[in-house]
């Protein structure tokens, strides 16, 4: 193999490695505690009551953290007493169970005392495509009857995207679905927000959330610039080798 070929191979290898490192640098999950496993107390409860919080997040509204297996059994403690969701544990064979992400999940009332669940995301690259992914499901509060609808309004900074509206049958559960949304941040630090929206008010609809992640991919222009630089070095080495021959 010639010296020039060796230089070219080294240059292209360096380009591939640099690109890989750049992509991995922007692909890391920027969310803290996106599975809601780190909590202030080991109990299902309304956030902000009885000392319960989920690390990294703030809550304003009738929002609960449900520990594994408790939503339709022991329920959660809130400002108005115990709250459960319809499920096999309290008489509805609707399939309610653990989320695909496993462990704890958040339940948010979409028609009563609505308020967002939020986290400030840092380390964003302004202008870069930013993917927000999460598991979402619709459920209903135990001891209420009727058809309900559930939805999330998801915001990053000043941009908001709504999920599809899902519909629950009486005493129902919609099943979990994976949502992926693309945002474009304008600053390096922006607020990620989830707001539950549901109907009707008299038959409490709950939007469930788990497995939240935020990741970025590098701008194509960045990779192009990096590639141009590596190839320029390769060309310079070729010319110097030719001149010395």
Protein backbone atom coordinates (compact mmCIF):
# COMPACT_ATOMS: atom_id res chain seq x y z
CA UNK A 1 0.00 0.00 0.00
CA UNK A 2 1.42 3.44 -0.98
CA UNK A 3 2.11 6.19 1.50
CA UNK A 4 -0.57 8.37 -0.15
CA UNK A 5 -3.16 5.59 0.17
CA UNK A 6 -2.23 5.17 3.80
CA UNK A 7 -2.70 8.90 4.43
CA UNK A 8 -6.09 8.81 2.73
CA UNK A 9 -7.21 5.85 4.81
CA UNK A 10 -6.05 7.55 8.01
CA UNK A 11 -7.88 10.76 7.05
CA UNK A 12 -11.13 8.96 6.28
CA UNK A 13 -10.87 6.93 9.48
CA UNK A 14 -10.38 10.15 11.44
CA UNK A 15 -13.43 11.63 9.72
CA UNK A 16 -15.58 8.62 10.56
CA UNK A 17 -14.41 8.63 14.18
CA UNK A 18 -15.00 12.36 14.56
CA UNK A 19 -18.47 12.03 13.08
CA UNK A 20 -19.27 9.15 15.42
CA UNK A 21 -18.10 11.11 18.45
CA UNK A 22 -20.08 14.16 17.35
CA UNK A 23 -23.30 12.18 16.90
CA UNK A 24 -22.91 10.38 20.24
CA UNK A 25 -22.22 13.70 21.97
CA UNK A 26 -25.54 15.08 20.79
CA UNK A 27 -27.51 11.82 21.06
CA UNK A 28 -27.25 11.42 24.85
CA UNK A 29 -30.47 11.67 26.85
CA UNK A 30 -30.58 15.16 28.36
CA UNK A 31 -33.51 14.43 30.71
CA UNK A 32 -32.94 13.81 34.42
CA UNK A 33 -35.01 10.96 35.89
CA UNK A 34 -37.09 10.43 32.75
CA UNK A 35 -38.46 7.13 34.14
CA UNK A 36 -39.55 8.78 37.43
CA UNK A 37 -37.79 6.14 39.51
CA UNK A 38 -36.11 8.62 41.87
CA UNK A 39 -38.74 9.95 44.29
CA UNK A 40 -38.64 11.80 47.59
CA UNK A 41 -40.70 9.12 49.36
CA UNK A 42 -41.47 5.48 48.67
CA UNK A 43 -45.20 6.03 48.24
CA UNK A 44 -47.68 6.76 45.47
CA UNK A 45 -48.93 10.30 45.98
CA UNK A 46 -49.91 13.57 44.41
CA UNK A 47 -46.78 15.52 43.63
CA UNK A 48 -46.25 18.27 46.17
CA UNK A 49 -48.22 16.52 48.93
CA UNK A 50 -46.93 14.40 51.83
CA UNK A 51 -43.40 15.37 50.84
CA UNK A 52 -43.59 13.53 47.52
CA UNK A 53 -41.64 14.78 44.50
CA UNK A 54 -39.88 13.20 41.54
CA UNK A 55 -36.25 14.25 41.19
CA UNK A 56 -35.55 16.73 38.41
CA UNK A 57 -39.20 17.67 37.84
CA UNK A 58 -41.62 20.31 39.14
CA UNK A 59 -45.39 19.91 39.16
CA UNK A 60 -48.33 22.32 39.26
CA UNK A 61 -51.69 20.63 39.28
CA UNK A 62 -53.50 17.40 40.10
CA UNK A 63 -50.58 15.20 39.08
CA UNK A 64 -49.57 11.89 40.70
CA UNK A 65 -46.67 9.47 40.72
CA UNK A 66 -47.81 5.84 40.81
CA UNK A 67 -45.33 3.26 42.04
CA UNK A 68 -45.34 -0.14 40.35
CA UNK A 69 -48.63 -2.00 40.77
CA UNK A 70 -50.38 0.62 42.91
CA UNK A 71 -52.59 2.58 40.48
CA UNK A 72 -55.49 0.07 40.65
CA UNK A 73 -54.78 -1.42 44.10
CA UNK A 74 -53.63 0.73 46.99
CA UNK A 75 -53.82 3.91 44.90
CA UNK A 76 -52.17 7.22 45.67
CA UNK A 77 -52.71 9.84 48.35
CA UNK A 78 -53.83 13.27 47.20
CA UNK A 79 -55.23 16.45 48.69
CA UNK A 80 -58.73 14.98 48.36
CA UNK A 81 -57.89 11.54 49.72
CA UNK A 82 -57.07 8.26 48.02
CA UNK A 83 -57.10 8.14 44.21
CA UNK A 84 -57.03 5.03 42.02
CA UNK A 85 -57.31 4.33 38.31
CA UNK A 86 -59.63 1.70 36.87
CA UNK A 87 -57.77 -1.57 36.32
CA UNK A 88 -57.75 -5.30 37.03
CA UNK A 89 -56.96 -4.66 40.70
CA UNK A 90 -60.29 -2.93 41.34
CA UNK A 91 -62.63 -4.75 38.99
CA UNK A 92 -61.98 -3.65 35.39
CA UNK A 93 -60.23 -6.09 33.06
CA UNK A 94 -58.95 -3.24 30.88
CA UNK A 95 -55.28 -4.22 30.74
CA UNK A 96 -53.88 -1.47 32.95
CA UNK A 97 -50.46 -2.51 34.20
CA UNK A 98 -46.84 -1.45 34.15
CA UNK A 99 -45.67 0.86 31.40
CA UNK A 100 -43.27 -0.50 28.75
CA UNK A 101 -40.55 1.54 30.49
CA UNK A 102 -41.26 -0.36 33.72
CA UNK A 103 -41.51 0.90 37.27
CA UNK A 104 -43.14 4.19 38.26
CA UNK A 105 -45.20 6.40 35.98
CA UNK A 106 -47.00 9.75 36.17
CA UNK A 107 -50.79 10.18 36.07
CA UNK A 108 -52.15 13.68 35.31
CA UNK A 109 -55.78 14.80 35.45
CA UNK A 110 -56.65 16.51 32.17
CA UNK A 111 -59.90 18.16 33.24
CA UNK A 112 -59.47 19.20 36.88
CA UNK A 113 -56.89 21.53 38.43
CA UNK A 114 -54.70 21.15 35.36
CA UNK A 115 -51.06 22.05 35.68
CA UNK A 116 -47.84 21.10 33.88
CA UNK A 117 -45.08 18.68 34.78
CA UNK A 118 -41.82 20.45 33.88
CA UNK A 119 -38.07 20.15 33.74
CA UNK A 120 -35.43 22.62 32.51
CA UNK A 121 -33.31 20.91 29.86
CA UNK A 122 -29.73 22.16 29.68
CA UNK A 123 -26.93 21.46 27.22
CA UNK A 124 -29.07 22.02 24.12
CA UNK A 125 -27.51 23.14 20.86
CA UNK A 126 -29.67 25.98 19.50
CA UNK A 127 -31.00 25.28 16.03
CA UNK A 128 -30.30 21.54 16.16
CA UNK A 129 -33.14 19.04 15.66
CA UNK A 130 -34.21 17.89 19.11
CA UNK A 131 -36.17 14.68 19.64
CA UNK A 132 -38.55 14.35 22.60
CA UNK A 133 -39.76 10.77 23.10
CA UNK A 134 -42.03 9.22 25.74
CA UNK A 135 -44.67 6.60 26.51
CA UNK A 136 -48.26 7.87 26.75
CA UNK A 137 -51.58 6.25 27.70
CA UNK A 138 -55.11 7.25 28.66
CA UNK A 139 -56.81 6.01 31.84
CA UNK A 140 -59.80 6.83 34.06
CA UNK A 141 -60.24 7.59 37.73
CA UNK A 142 -61.78 4.78 39.76
CA UNK A 143 -65.41 5.16 40.95
CA UNK A 144 -66.35 7.30 37.94
CA UNK A 145 -68.15 6.12 34.80
CA UNK A 146 -68.42 7.14 31.18
CA UNK A 147 -66.32 7.65 28.08
CA UNK A 148 -63.28 9.94 28.37
CA UNK A 149 -60.59 11.38 26.09
CA UNK A 150 -56.93 12.05 26.88
CA UNK A 151 -54.09 14.00 25.29
CA UNK A 152 -50.80 15.73 26.12
CA UNK A 153 -49.65 19.18 25.05
CA UNK A 154 -45.85 18.93 24.97
CA UNK A 155 -43.70 22.04 24.95
CA UNK A 156 -40.00 22.74 24.63
CA UNK A 157 -39.31 26.43 25.06
CA UNK A 158 -41.91 28.39 23.08
CA UNK A 159 -42.85 25.51 20.74
CA UNK A 160 -45.81 23.21 21.55
CA UNK A 161 -46.87 19.96 19.87
CA UNK A 162 -49.99 17.98 20.81
CA UNK A 163 -50.27 14.21 20.89
CA UNK A 164 -53.18 12.48 19.22
CA UNK A 165 -56.41 12.40 21.23
CA UNK A 166 -57.10 8.89 22.59
CA UNK A 167 -60.54 7.70 23.68
CA UNK A 168 -61.37 5.44 26.63
CA UNK A 169 -64.42 3.25 26.91
CA UNK A 170 -66.24 3.21 30.25
CA UNK A 171 -63.81 2.03 32.97
CA UNK A 172 -61.24 1.76 30.20
CA UNK A 173 -57.54 2.02 29.49
CA UNK A 174 -56.16 2.88 26.05
CA UNK A 175 -52.90 0.95 26.22
CA UNK A 176 -49.47 2.54 25.93
CA UNK A 177 -48.15 4.16 22.77
CA UNK A 178 -44.71 5.57 22.02
CA UNK A 179 -44.58 9.21 20.95
CA UNK A 180 -41.70 10.97 19.18
CA UNK A 181 -41.69 14.70 18.48
CA UNK A 182 -39.10 17.00 16.92
CA UNK A 183 -38.43 20.50 18.26
CA UNK A 184 -35.91 23.20 17.38
CA UNK A 185 -34.60 25.01 20.48
CA UNK A 186 -33.51 28.62 20.30
CA UNK A 187 -31.30 28.57 23.40
CA UNK A 188 -29.04 26.17 25.27
CA UNK A 189 -31.50 25.83 28.17
CA UNK A 190 -35.26 25.46 27.69
CA UNK A 191 -38.22 24.18 29.72
CA UNK A 192 -39.74 20.83 28.76
CA UNK A 193 -43.40 20.72 29.75
CA UNK A 194 -46.22 18.14 29.71
CA UNK A 195 -49.80 19.31 30.18
CA UNK A 196 -52.67 16.80 30.30
CA UNK A 197 -55.82 17.70 28.35
CA UNK A 198 -58.98 15.58 28.68
CA UNK A 199 -62.75 15.41 28.63
CA UNK A 200 -65.24 15.48 30.26
CA UNK A 201 -64.65 17.22 33.58
CA UNK A 202 -67.12 15.14 35.53
CA UNK A 203 -65.56 11.79 34.61
CA UNK A 204 -61.87 12.35 35.43
CA UNK A 205 -59.62 11.52 32.46
CA UNK A 206 -56.00 10.76 33.30
CA UNK A 207 -53.05 10.99 30.91
CA UNK A 208 -50.19 8.63 31.85
CA UNK A 209 -46.52 9.36 31.15
CA UNK A 210 -43.25 7.42 31.37
CA UNK A 211 -39.87 6.94 29.69
CA UNK A 212 -39.21 10.57 28.76
CA UNK A 213 -36.04 11.27 26.78
CA UNK A 214 -34.57 14.27 24.96
CA UNK A 215 -31.74 13.94 22.45
CA UNK A 216 -30.16 15.96 19.66
CA UNK A 217 -28.40 15.15 16.41
CA UNK A 218 -25.67 17.42 15.00
CA UNK A 219 -26.51 19.88 12.28
CA UNK A 220 -25.50 18.58 8.80
CA UNK A 221 -23.44 21.73 8.27
CA UNK A 222 -21.28 20.83 11.27
CA UNK A 223 -20.42 17.43 9.84
CA UNK A 224 -19.80 18.96 6.40
CA UNK A 225 -17.39 21.49 7.86
CA UNK A 226 -15.60 18.81 9.84
CA UNK A 227 -15.30 16.60 6.75
CA UNK A 228 -13.94 19.47 4.67
CA UNK A 229 -11.27 20.09 7.28
CA UNK A 230 -10.12 16.47 7.40
CA UNK A 231 -10.05 16.17 3.61
CA UNK A 232 -8.07 19.44 3.37
CA UNK A 233 -5.45 17.98 5.70
CA UNK A 234 -5.31 14.87 3.53
CA UNK A 235 -4.79 17.00 0.40
CA UNK A 236 -2.05 19.02 2.07
CA UNK A 237 -0.19 15.86 3.08
CA UNK A 238 -0.47 14.55 -0.49
CA UNK A 239 1.05 17.75 -1.91
CA UNK A 240 3.88 17.78 0.58
CA UNK A 241 4.66 14.15 -0.16
CA UNK A 242 4.69 14.84 -3.93
CA UNK A 243 7.02 17.83 -3.51
CA UNK A 244 9.49 15.83 -1.42
CA UNK A 245 9.59 12.92 -3.92
